[in-house]
Amino acid sequence: MAIDGEAARRIDQEDLHADKTANATILIEKQRWVYQKYQFYTRQLERAFGLIQDDEARKAVDFRYMQGYSYKETLLFFRHGLSDSTIRRKIIEGTESMANTLKLMGFFEQDNVEF
């Protein structure tokens, strides 16, 4: 992420004329911290996804959320063998499985940590 001179000079509204080097260092550290959080959350979500027991539910969640297809595209992808209500149920089962796994891992307690 590129930082222009204005962003390096202003971290917040109170500190208008701060040293550019110090602010740039703080921004770099904050970016590193945010990226580490992103990596942690991504790994936990992938772990929970991998623990979904039902193959069809795992495939439905993969197509819908992990690959990012729309709900309509997901329905069209699975249309060959399953009804719309079955696909919807499989998506719900998969997301519930992931949520329960994430709860057991303590994933949601990590959410209120600040830089």
C-alpha atoms as a PDB file:
ATOM      1  CA  MET A   1       0.000   0.000   0.000  1.00  0.00           C
ATOM      2  CA  ALA A   2       1.565   3.284  -1.112  1.00  0.00           C
ATOM      3  CA  ILE A   3       1.694   6.120   1.385  1.00  0.00           C
ATOM      4  CA  ASP A   4       1.678   9.624  -0.012  1.00  0.00           C
ATOM      5  CA  GLY A   5       3.263  12.515   1.864  1.00  0.00           C
ATOM      6  CA  GLU A   6      -0.029  13.770   3.279  1.00  0.00           C
ATOM      7  CA  ALA A   7      -0.899  10.394   4.808  1.00  0.00           C
ATOM      8  CA  ALA A   8       2.574  10.152   6.322  1.00  0.00           C
ATOM      9  CA  ARG A   9       2.191  13.600   7.918  1.00  0.00           C
ATOM     10  CA  ARG A  10      -1.285  13.014   9.355  1.00  0.00           C
ATOM     11  CA  ILE A  11      -1.997   9.954  11.422  1.00  0.00           C
ATOM     12  CA  ASP A  12      -4.833  11.629  13.267  1.00  0.00           C
ATOM     13  CA  GLN A  13      -6.443  15.075  13.416  1.00  0.00           C
ATOM     14  CA  GLU A  14      -4.552  16.224  16.565  1.00  0.00           C
ATOM     15  CA  ASP A  15      -1.091  15.574  15.121  1.00  0.00           C
ATOM     16  CA  LEU A  16      -1.006  17.849  12.064  1.00  0.00           C
ATOM     17  CA  HIS A  17       2.721  18.681  11.825  1.00  0.00           C
ATOM     18  CA  ALA A  18       4.443  15.558  13.077  1.00  0.00           C
ATOM     19  CA  ASP A  19       7.732  14.169  11.860  1.00  0.00           C
ATOM     20  CA  LYS A  20       7.182  12.243   8.588  1.00  0.00           C
ATOM     21  CA  THR A  21       9.672   9.510   9.434  1.00  0.00           C
ATOM     22  CA  ALA A  22       8.107   8.713  12.806  1.00  0.00           C
ATOM     23  CA  ASN A  23       4.603   8.633  11.355  1.00  0.00           C
ATOM     24  CA  ALA A  24       5.714   6.494   8.425  1.00  0.00           C
ATOM     25  CA  THR A  25       7.257   4.035  10.886  1.00  0.00           C
ATOM     26  CA  ILE A  26       4.032   3.914  12.901  1.00  0.00           C
ATOM     27  CA  LEU A  27       2.009   3.359   9.715  1.00  0.00           C
ATOM     28  CA  ILE A  28       4.330   0.549   8.612  1.00  0.00           C
ATOM     29  CA  GLU A  29       4.025  -1.125  12.011  1.00  0.00           C
ATOM     30  CA  LYS A  30       0.244  -0.774  11.936  1.00  0.00           C
ATOM     31  CA  GLN A  31       0.112  -2.256   8.416  1.00  0.00           C
ATOM     32  CA  ARG A  32       2.269  -5.182   9.563  1.00  0.00           C
ATOM     33  CA  TRP A  33      -0.013  -5.732  12.579  1.00  0.00           C
ATOM     34  CA  VAL A  34      -3.152  -5.631  10.393  1.00  0.00           C
ATOM     35  CA  TYR A  35      -1.595  -8.092   7.935  1.00  0.00           C
ATOM     36  CA  GLN A  36      -0.699 -10.496  10.756  1.00  0.00           C
ATOM     37  CA  LYS A  37      -4.304 -10.316  12.002  1.00  0.00           C
ATOM     38  CA  TYR A  38      -5.528 -10.960   8.458  1.00  0.00           C
ATOM     39  CA  GLN A  39      -3.268 -14.018   8.177  1.00  0.00           C
ATOM     40  CA  PHE A  40      -4.468 -15.354  11.535  1.00  0.00           C
ATOM     41  CA  TYR A  41      -8.165 -14.925  10.666  1.00  0.00           C
ATOM     42  CA  THR A  42      -7.680 -16.435   7.211  1.00  0.00           C
ATOM     43  CA  ARG A  43      -5.923 -19.520   8.608  1.00  0.00           C
ATOM     44  CA  GLN A  44      -8.636 -20.029  11.226  1.00  0.00           C
ATOM     45  CA  LEU A  45     -11.405 -19.751   8.632  1.00  0.00           C
ATOM     46  CA  GLU A  46      -9.629 -22.193   6.314  1.00  0.00           C
ATOM     47  CA  ARG A  47      -9.162 -24.587   9.233  1.00  0.00           C
ATOM     48  CA  ALA A  48     -12.848 -24.433  10.168  1.00  0.00           C
ATOM     49  CA  PHE A  49     -13.774 -24.892   6.512  1.00  0.00           C
ATOM     50  CA  GLY A  50     -11.599 -27.997   6.285  1.00  0.00           C
ATOM     51  CA  LEU A  51     -13.384 -29.511   9.290  1.00  0.00           C
ATOM     52  CA  ILE A  52     -16.841 -29.496   7.692  1.00  0.00           C
ATOM     53  CA  GLN A  53     -17.806 -33.192   7.734  1.00  0.00           C
ATOM     54  CA  ASP A  54     -20.492 -33.273   5.028  1.00  0.00           C
ATOM     55  CA  ASP A  55     -18.886 -33.247   1.560  1.00  0.00           C
ATOM     56  CA  GLU A  56     -21.853 -31.550  -0.116  1.00  0.00           C
ATOM     57  CA  ALA A  57     -21.992 -28.858   2.584  1.00  0.00           C
ATOM     58  CA  ARG A  58     -18.243 -28.289   2.224  1.00  0.00           C
ATOM     59  CA  LYS A  59     -18.570 -27.982  -1.566  1.00  0.00           C
ATOM     60  CA  ALA A  60     -21.504 -25.574  -1.245  1.00  0.00           C
ATOM     61  CA  VAL A  61     -19.657 -23.357   1.271  1.00  0.00           C
ATOM     62  CA  ASP A  62     -16.515 -23.511  -0.855  1.00  0.00           C
ATOM     63  CA  PHE A  63     -18.310 -22.410  -3.990  1.00  0.00           C
ATOM     64  CA  ARG A  64     -20.436 -19.763  -2.257  1.00  0.00           C
ATOM     65  CA  TYR A  65     -18.023 -18.187   0.230  1.00  0.00           C
ATOM     66  CA  MET A  66     -14.456 -19.408  -0.291  1.00  0.00           C
ATOM     67  CA  GLN A  67     -14.523 -18.881  -4.054  1.00  0.00           C
ATOM     68  CA  GLY A  68     -16.920 -15.943  -3.761  1.00  0.00           C
ATOM     69  CA  TYR A  69     -19.645 -16.897  -6.207  1.00  0.00           C
ATOM     70  CA  SER A  70     -23.096 -15.378  -5.802  1.00  0.00           C
ATOM     71  CA  TYR A  71     -25.972 -17.361  -4.343  1.00  0.00           C
ATOM     72  CA  LYS A  72     -27.569 -17.652  -7.798  1.00  0.00           C
ATOM     73  CA  GLU A  73     -24.314 -18.929  -9.347  1.00  0.00           C
ATOM     74  CA  THR A  74     -24.014 -21.467  -6.537  1.00  0.00           C
ATOM     75  CA  LEU A  75     -27.545 -22.710  -7.218  1.00  0.00           C
ATOM     76  CA  LEU A  76     -26.783 -23.024 -10.922  1.00  0.00           C
ATOM     77  CA  PHE A  77     -23.543 -24.904 -10.215  1.00  0.00           C
ATOM     78  CA  PHE A  78     -25.284 -27.514  -8.041  1.00  0.00           C
ATOM     79  CA  ARG A  79     -28.491 -27.632 -10.092  1.00  0.00           C
ATOM     80  CA  HIS A  80     -27.621 -30.983 -11.728  1.00  0.00           C
ATOM     81  CA  GLY A  81     -28.393 -33.123  -8.699  1.00  0.00           C
ATOM     82  CA  LEU A  82     -29.858 -31.084  -5.866  1.00  0.00           C
ATOM     83  CA  SER A  83     -32.927 -28.890  -5.372  1.00  0.00           C
ATOM     84  CA  ASP A  84     -32.631 -25.212  -4.423  1.00  0.00           C
ATOM     85  CA  SER A  85     -33.852 -25.887  -0.883  1.00  0.00           C
ATOM     86  CA  THR A  86     -31.299 -28.690  -0.440  1.00  0.00           C
ATOM     87  CA  ILE A  87     -28.484 -26.408  -1.609  1.00  0.00           C
ATOM     88  CA  ARG A  88     -29.674 -23.669   0.736  1.00  0.00           C
ATOM     89  CA  ARG A  89     -29.774 -26.181   3.602  1.00  0.00           C
ATOM     90  CA  LYS A  90     -26.254 -27.439   2.760  1.00  0.00           C
ATOM     91  CA  ILE A  91     -24.898 -23.885   2.800  1.00  0.00           C
ATOM     92  CA  ILE A  92     -26.539 -23.268   6.181  1.00  0.00           C
ATOM     93  CA  GLU A  93     -25.226 -26.566   7.569  1.00  0.00           C
ATOM     94  CA  GLY A  94     -21.701 -25.752   6.383  1.00  0.00           C
ATOM     95  CA  THR A  95     -21.693 -22.231   7.808  1.00  0.00           C
ATOM     96  CA  GLU A  96     -23.095 -23.488  11.126  1.00  0.00           C
ATOM     97  CA  SER A  97     -20.380 -26.127  11.262  1.00  0.00           C
ATOM     98  CA  MET A  98     -17.729 -23.470  10.635  1.00  0.00           C
ATOM     99  CA  ALA A  99     -19.249 -21.157  13.263  1.00  0.00           C
ATOM    100  CA  ASN A 100     -19.285 -23.913  15.883  1.00  0.00           C
ATOM    101  CA  THR A 101     -15.679 -24.831  15.108  1.00  0.00           C
ATOM    102  CA  LEU A 102     -14.616 -21.190  15.302  1.00  0.00           C
ATOM    103  CA  LYS A 103     -16.378 -20.848  18.666  1.00  0.00           C
ATOM    104  CA  LEU A 104     -14.454 -23.846  20.014  1.00  0.00           C
ATOM    105  CA  MET A 105     -11.185 -22.340  18.732  1.00  0.00           C
ATOM    106  CA  GLY A 106     -11.842 -19.052  20.538  1.00  0.00           C
ATOM    107  CA  PHE A 107     -11.927 -17.174  17.244  1.00  0.00           C
ATOM    108  CA  PHE A 108     -14.541 -14.650  18.340  1.00  0.00           C
ATOM    109  CA  GLU A 109     -12.660 -13.656  21.495  1.00  0.00           C
ATOM    110  CA  GLN A 110      -9.829 -12.343  19.282  1.00  0.00           C
ATOM    111  CA  ASP A 111     -12.071  -9.720  17.702  1.00  0.00           C
ATOM    112  CA  ASN A 112     -11.702  -6.905  20.262  1.00  0.00           C
ATOM    113  CA  VAL A 113      -7.914  -6.565  20.083  1.00  0.00           C
ATOM    114  CA  GLU A 114      -6.709  -3.116  18.976  1.00  0.00           C
ATOM    115  CA  PHE A 115      -3.403  -1.765  17.696  1.00  0.00           C
END
